[in-house]
Structure formats: structure tokens, C-alpha cells
Amino acid sequence: MIHPFHASKLVIATVAALSSVPALAEDGSKLDEVLSRGYLIVGTGSTNAPWHFKSAEDKLQGFDIDMAHIISKALFGDPEKVQFVDQSSDARIPNITTGKVDITCQFMTVTGERAQQIAFTIPYYREGVGLMMKSGSQYADYAALKAAGSAVTIAVLQNVYAEEMVHAALPDATVDQYESVDLMYQALNSDRADAAATDQSSIAWHMNQNPGLYKDAGYGWNPQSYACGVKRGDQDWLNFVNTALHEAMTGVEFDFYANSFKTWFGKDLAPPQIGFPVEFQ
């Protein structure tokens, strides 16, 4: 028989011990939720080729869309079990934090500030700025543009950093800023600009869509990583998505990733080296 005094001490000790054990999450992982639901909810855009845009049949397509299909296939063995939420760029993070979407794949640049609000997956693309020229340009390449100094005019999308960005590559170039991407490309096409400073993915896309019309000057700068975003605090879900993307870029789903890369950027990817995992070299 336990004396009441000792019993009370036992209860106190038990409560103290239990209080030191981390509480189990009341809700399951997003991974379990998505599997139970039977489809993936992905936030993305619909107006930016080659990332996310509508086909003639009004179907979403693009490299971001293919990343969503990769994750869906890893979840359900079916790349089409995806519900897309069309969202603006400024809704990418709020729709994650409020649970409106399971994940956002929308050419989102990884930054430390954003990483305080959401969790980023591993990058699935490395973006950068490049110079797109007309194939018949009087300038052969980046070296020729740089050598021409202030005689060269570069078209760029208007923003507070535009001139500084261009001058990082071409210190003496004349910079013309335009309110829209369409106007920027019109300046290039009408020879009002010798080159357009734009995303290298856009250069690859336009060259792929218009063979022989454009060329890449052969220089890139301002690298940035594109990754999908998920809600913070769910390591199981983040680990799963990372695994799906990793194996698409380096493993069993490489053919799907490579075919997508070829479709949207016009470039063939070399298969991952067999043996020592190339990502650890």
C-alpha cells in the first residue's frame, strides 16, 4: 500500500515527466492529408511562358506545371491528379500560409526573407539574366556588345534596379526601359535596341519558338534559384516533395524532367552519371 504522501509525490513526478515530453501534433502531416484527399492542390500562374500559361485548348502548361505533375505522379502514380489554383504573384506566399494550396510552384525566387515565411523545396531551376539579340545583329556576341560601349542600346523591363542590372554586365551601354515585356521585345525587333536584357529562360523559350530569329549573346549574370514553396513546420511533406523533385532531376523520373526541359527551353540534358551521386561532387 502506498502512503498518501508518497502517492502525491508520485503523481507530481509523473506529471513533471510527461510535461517534458514534446507534445504530439494534433493534426497529421500534409502528406497524409493529400493522400487521403486523392489529389494535389497547386498554386501557380497562367500568363507567363514558358513557366505557366494556357494552351490553345485552354489547358495549363509550362515548366512549373510539369513540376506539379512530377509531384502528383510521386504521390498517386498519376501525373494528372492535380487541381491548379490560378493565383497572382503576390498571392504565392499568402495562399501557402493560409492553407488554400498544398504547394506553390510559380517561378518563385528563393530569398532569406521569404524563407522566414514559408519553407522552400530544393531548387528545380537556376535562373539568371541574359542578353537576347537578333540573329542578324551587327554584334556577334557579348564581347562585341561590351566593346561597343555607349554605342549599344539595351532594352529592359522597367524597374528601380534596371539600369544598375544592365550596367553590371555592360557598364557603358545605353539603357532604355519599357513598361511591358512586349514593348521591350518590340524595341529589339524594330532595331531600336541592340539586345534585350531578360531572363535566360525567356531567351531559351523565344529561341526555341522562333528558330533562326534570335540568339543568346553568351553571357549570364544575377543567378537566382527557383523552388516550390510549402507551409512551414511539416517536415514529412517537405521531405516528400524534395524526394520527388530530386529523383526527377537525378533519378528514376529523369526522362520526364529532361523531356520537359527540352520542350520549354529547347535544350538536351545529359543523363545523371551512374555511380557516385553527381550532386555530392
Protein backbone atom coordinates (compact mmCIF):
# COMPACT_ATOMS: atom_id res chain seq x y z
CA MET A 1 0.00 0.00 0.00
CA ILE A 2 1.32 3.45 -0.97
CA HIS A 3 1.19 6.12 1.73
CA PRO A 4 -0.93 9.16 0.57
CA PHE A 5 2.08 11.43 0.95
CA HIS A 6 4.20 9.23 -1.30
CA ALA A 7 1.31 8.84 -3.76
CA SER A 8 1.01 12.60 -4.17
CA LYS A 9 4.77 12.83 -4.80
CA LEU A 10 4.41 10.08 -7.45
CA VAL A 11 1.64 11.97 -9.23
CA ILE A 12 3.69 15.20 -9.23
CA ALA A 13 6.75 13.37 -10.60
CA THR A 14 4.65 11.70 -13.31
CA VAL A 15 3.09 14.99 -14.42
CA ALA A 16 6.52 16.64 -14.49
CA ALA A 17 7.93 13.81 -16.59
CA LEU A 18 5.04 13.95 -19.04
CA SER A 19 5.32 17.70 -19.36
CA SER A 20 8.92 17.32 -20.52
CA VAL A 21 7.89 15.09 -23.45
CA PRO A 22 7.22 17.07 -26.65
CA ALA A 23 3.52 17.18 -27.46
CA LEU A 24 2.44 15.16 -30.48
CA ALA A 25 0.91 17.15 -33.30
CA GLU A 26 -2.88 17.03 -33.22
CA ASP A 27 -3.07 17.02 -36.99
CA GLY A 28 -1.37 14.60 -39.36
CA SER A 29 1.14 15.59 -41.99
CA LYS A 30 0.08 17.39 -45.18
CA LEU A 31 1.36 14.27 -46.93
CA ASP A 32 -1.31 12.14 -45.23
CA GLU A 33 -3.95 14.79 -45.95
CA VAL A 34 -3.14 14.91 -49.66
CA LEU A 35 -3.02 11.13 -49.99
CA SER A 36 -6.38 10.84 -48.24
CA ARG A 37 -7.92 13.54 -50.44
CA GLY A 38 -6.74 11.84 -53.62
CA TYR A 39 -5.39 14.86 -55.49
CA LEU A 40 -2.83 17.65 -55.11
CA ILE A 41 -3.73 21.36 -54.90
CA VAL A 42 -1.07 23.52 -56.54
CA GLY A 43 -0.90 27.30 -56.70
CA THR A 44 0.55 28.70 -59.91
CA GLY A 45 0.03 31.33 -62.61
CA SER A 46 -1.36 31.23 -66.13
CA THR A 47 0.23 34.08 -68.11
CA ASN A 48 4.00 33.54 -68.18
CA ALA A 49 5.50 31.31 -70.85
CA PRO A 50 7.41 29.04 -70.61
CA TRP A 51 6.57 28.61 -66.92
CA HIS A 52 2.78 28.59 -66.61
CA PHE A 53 0.43 29.58 -69.43
CA LYS A 54 -2.63 28.41 -71.33
CA SER A 55 -2.51 26.32 -74.48
CA ALA A 56 -4.82 26.86 -77.46
CA GLU A 57 -7.08 24.29 -75.79
CA ASP A 58 -7.18 26.43 -72.61
CA LYS A 59 -5.10 23.91 -70.67
CA LEU A 60 -2.35 24.98 -68.30
CA GLN A 61 1.12 24.09 -69.50
CA GLY A 62 4.73 25.03 -68.83
CA PHE A 63 7.74 24.04 -66.75
CA ASP A 64 6.12 24.92 -63.40
CA ILE A 65 3.09 22.87 -64.42
CA ASP A 66 5.31 19.90 -65.19
CA MET A 67 6.88 20.15 -61.72
CA ALA A 68 3.37 19.78 -60.28
CA HIS A 69 2.80 16.70 -62.47
CA ILE A 70 6.06 15.21 -61.18
CA ILE A 71 4.88 15.58 -57.58
CA SER A 72 1.43 14.19 -58.43
CA LYS A 73 2.97 11.12 -60.06
CA ALA A 74 5.13 10.52 -56.98
CA LEU A 75 2.01 10.73 -54.81
CA PHE A 76 -0.51 8.74 -56.80
CA GLY A 77 1.32 7.12 -59.71
CA ASP A 78 -0.70 9.53 -61.89
CA PRO A 79 0.67 12.92 -63.02
CA GLU A 80 -2.81 14.28 -63.71
CA LYS A 81 -4.22 14.18 -60.17
CA VAL A 82 -3.67 17.90 -59.72
CA GLN A 83 -6.06 20.78 -59.07
CA PHE A 84 -4.47 24.08 -60.05
CA VAL A 85 -5.30 27.35 -58.31
CA ASP A 86 -4.65 30.31 -60.60
CA GLN A 87 -3.04 32.97 -58.44
CA SER A 88 -1.22 36.27 -58.85
CA SER A 89 2.44 36.58 -57.89
CA ASP A 90 1.59 38.44 -54.68
CA ALA A 91 -0.70 35.57 -53.59
CA ARG A 92 2.01 32.93 -53.76
CA ILE A 93 3.00 33.12 -50.09
CA PRO A 94 -0.41 34.00 -48.54
CA ASN A 95 -2.08 31.05 -50.26
CA ILE A 96 0.52 28.74 -48.71
CA THR A 97 0.33 30.16 -45.19
CA THR A 98 -3.50 30.13 -45.14
CA GLY A 99 -3.71 26.56 -46.47
CA LYS A 100 -5.51 27.45 -49.70
CA VAL A 101 -2.95 25.38 -51.60
CA ASP A 102 -0.76 22.41 -50.66
CA ILE A 103 2.20 23.85 -52.54
CA THR A 104 3.09 26.73 -54.85
CA CYS A 105 5.18 26.17 -57.98
CA GLN A 106 5.31 29.56 -59.72
CA PHE A 107 8.85 30.62 -60.71
CA MET A 108 9.40 31.76 -57.12
CA THR A 109 12.88 33.06 -56.33
CA VAL A 110 14.36 31.74 -53.09
CA THR A 111 15.32 34.52 -50.67
CA GLY A 112 16.14 34.60 -46.97
CA GLU A 113 13.20 36.93 -46.31
CA ARG A 114 10.71 34.60 -47.99
CA ALA A 115 12.23 31.58 -46.23
CA GLN A 116 11.14 33.11 -42.92
CA GLN A 117 7.52 32.89 -44.07
CA ILE A 118 7.43 29.57 -45.94
CA ALA A 119 9.63 26.52 -46.43
CA PHE A 120 11.32 26.17 -49.82
CA THR A 121 11.89 22.87 -51.59
CA ILE A 122 15.16 22.09 -53.30
CA PRO A 123 15.60 24.25 -56.43
CA TYR A 124 14.33 22.83 -59.71
CA TYR A 125 15.81 25.58 -61.92
CA ARG A 126 18.60 28.17 -61.77
CA GLU A 127 17.54 31.44 -63.40
CA GLY A 128 19.70 34.38 -64.46
CA VAL A 129 19.74 37.44 -66.68
CA GLY A 130 20.99 37.21 -70.25
CA LEU A 131 21.10 39.26 -73.44
CA MET A 132 18.88 38.27 -76.35
CA MET A 133 19.91 39.56 -79.78
CA LYS A 134 18.54 39.24 -83.28
CA SER A 135 20.43 36.66 -85.30
CA GLY A 136 21.33 39.29 -87.91
CA SER A 137 22.74 41.73 -85.38
CA GLN A 138 25.87 43.67 -86.28
CA TYR A 139 27.29 42.44 -82.97
CA ALA A 140 28.48 38.86 -82.81
CA ASP A 141 28.19 38.25 -79.08
CA TYR A 142 28.55 39.62 -75.56
CA ALA A 143 32.21 40.56 -76.07
CA ALA A 144 31.27 42.66 -79.12
CA LEU A 145 28.44 44.36 -77.22
CA LYS A 146 30.76 45.25 -74.36
CA ALA A 147 33.48 46.51 -76.68
CA ALA A 148 31.00 48.85 -78.40
CA GLY A 149 30.46 50.74 -75.14
CA SER A 150 27.86 53.51 -75.21
CA ALA A 151 27.04 52.83 -78.88
CA VAL A 152 25.00 49.85 -77.72
CA THR A 153 21.38 50.25 -76.59
CA ILE A 154 19.85 47.65 -74.29
CA ALA A 155 16.10 47.26 -73.79
CA VAL A 156 14.96 46.16 -70.35
CA LEU A 157 11.74 45.87 -68.35
CA GLN A 158 11.22 48.98 -66.25
CA ASN A 159 12.10 48.75 -62.55
CA VAL A 160 14.20 50.62 -60.00
CA TYR A 161 17.18 48.29 -60.46
CA ALA A 162 17.05 48.01 -64.26
CA GLU A 163 19.88 50.37 -65.14
CA GLU A 164 22.13 49.03 -62.39
CA MET A 165 21.41 45.47 -63.51
CA VAL A 166 22.31 46.14 -67.15
CA HIS A 167 25.44 48.08 -66.24
CA ALA A 168 26.67 45.14 -64.15
CA ALA A 169 27.23 43.36 -67.47
CA LEU A 170 27.64 46.28 -69.88
CA PRO A 171 28.99 49.26 -67.88
CA ASP A 172 28.82 51.81 -70.72
CA ALA A 173 25.65 50.72 -72.54
CA THR A 174 22.67 53.00 -73.10
CA VAL A 175 19.68 51.61 -71.19
CA ASP A 176 16.09 52.01 -72.45
CA GLN A 177 13.37 50.90 -70.01
CA TYR A 178 9.93 49.71 -71.14
CA GLU A 179 6.67 49.29 -69.23
CA SER A 180 5.99 45.77 -70.50
CA VAL A 181 7.90 42.77 -71.81
CA ASP A 182 6.07 43.05 -75.15
CA LEU A 183 7.31 46.63 -75.64
CA MET A 184 10.83 45.55 -74.72
CA TYR A 185 10.82 42.83 -77.40
CA GLN A 186 9.27 45.22 -79.93
CA ALA A 187 12.24 47.54 -79.37
CA LEU A 188 14.59 44.67 -80.19
CA ASN A 189 12.60 43.53 -83.22
CA SER A 190 12.44 47.07 -84.66
CA ASP A 191 16.20 47.61 -84.13
CA ARG A 192 15.65 50.40 -81.59
CA ALA A 193 17.66 48.19 -79.24
CA ASP A 194 20.68 46.03 -79.97
CA ALA A 195 19.75 43.48 -77.30
CA ALA A 196 17.14 42.83 -74.64
CA ALA A 197 18.21 42.09 -71.08
CA THR A 198 15.81 39.41 -69.91
CA ASP A 199 15.57 36.10 -68.07
CA GLN A 200 17.71 33.39 -69.63
CA SER A 201 14.71 31.05 -69.54
CA SER A 202 12.82 33.56 -71.72
CA ILE A 203 15.74 33.71 -74.15
CA ALA A 204 15.74 29.92 -74.43
CA TRP A 205 11.96 29.91 -74.92
CA HIS A 206 11.97 32.55 -77.67
CA MET A 207 14.88 30.90 -79.46
CA ASN A 208 13.07 27.56 -79.28
CA GLN A 209 9.83 29.05 -80.60
CA ASN A 210 11.46 31.16 -83.32
CA PRO A 211 14.37 29.16 -84.78
CA GLY A 212 16.89 31.36 -86.53
CA LEU A 213 15.35 34.66 -85.40
CA TYR A 214 17.17 35.23 -82.11
CA LYS A 215 20.48 34.34 -80.49
CA ASP A 216 21.91 34.35 -77.00
CA ALA A 217 24.81 36.77 -76.52
CA GLY A 218 26.53 34.09 -74.44
CA TYR A 219 26.77 35.75 -71.05
CA GLY A 220 24.63 35.37 -67.94
CA TRP A 221 24.58 37.08 -64.55
CA ASN A 222 22.39 37.66 -61.47
CA PRO A 223 21.79 33.95 -60.66
CA GLN A 224 18.73 33.02 -58.61
CA SER A 225 17.13 29.74 -57.60
CA TYR A 226 13.53 28.79 -58.40
CA ALA A 227 11.85 26.41 -55.94
CA CYS A 228 8.37 25.40 -54.85
CA GLY A 229 7.06 26.62 -51.51
CA VAL A 230 5.16 24.80 -48.74
CA LYS A 231 3.90 25.75 -45.31
CA ARG A 232 6.48 25.80 -42.55
CA GLY A 233 6.55 23.17 -39.83
CA ASP A 234 5.73 19.96 -41.73
CA GLN A 235 8.99 18.15 -42.37
CA ASP A 236 7.33 14.99 -43.71
CA TRP A 237 5.63 16.94 -46.51
CA LEU A 238 8.76 18.95 -47.33
CA ASN A 239 10.88 15.78 -47.38
CA PHE A 240 8.45 14.04 -49.71
CA VAL A 241 8.32 16.89 -52.23
CA ASN A 242 12.11 17.20 -52.11
CA THR A 243 12.41 13.50 -52.84
CA ALA A 244 10.03 13.76 -55.81
CA LEU A 245 11.91 16.70 -57.33
CA HIS A 246 15.33 15.24 -56.59
CA GLU A 247 14.54 11.93 -58.30
CA ALA A 248 13.13 13.81 -61.29
CA MET A 249 16.40 15.68 -61.73
CA THR A 250 18.78 12.83 -60.85
CA GLY A 251 16.93 9.51 -60.69
CA VAL A 252 14.01 7.38 -61.83
CA GLU A 253 11.91 10.26 -63.24
CA PHE A 254 14.79 11.96 -65.06
CA ASP A 255 13.30 11.29 -68.51
CA PHE A 256 10.14 13.22 -67.58
CA TYR A 257 12.17 16.19 -66.30
CA ALA A 258 14.54 16.12 -69.30
CA ASN A 259 11.65 15.96 -71.79
CA SER A 260 10.04 18.95 -70.09
CA PHE A 261 13.32 20.88 -70.16
CA LYS A 262 13.68 20.12 -73.87
CA THR A 263 10.09 21.18 -74.59
CA TRP A 264 10.23 24.55 -72.87
CA PHE A 265 13.90 25.53 -73.15
CA GLY A 266 15.00 23.65 -76.27
CA LYS A 267 18.00 22.07 -74.55
CA ASP A 268 19.01 18.44 -74.13
CA LEU A 269 20.15 17.45 -70.64
CA ALA A 270 22.86 14.85 -70.16
CA PRO A 271 21.63 11.90 -68.05
CA PRO A 272 22.97 11.81 -64.49
CA GLN A 273 26.28 9.99 -64.19
CA ILE A 274 25.94 6.42 -62.95
CA GLY A 275 27.90 5.62 -59.80
CA PHE A 276 28.79 8.33 -57.32
CA PRO A 277 25.80 10.74 -56.98
CA VAL A 278 26.75 13.79 -59.01
CA GLU A 279 25.00 16.19 -56.61
CA PHE A 280 27.63 15.44 -53.95
CA GLN A 281 30.66 16.13 -56.12
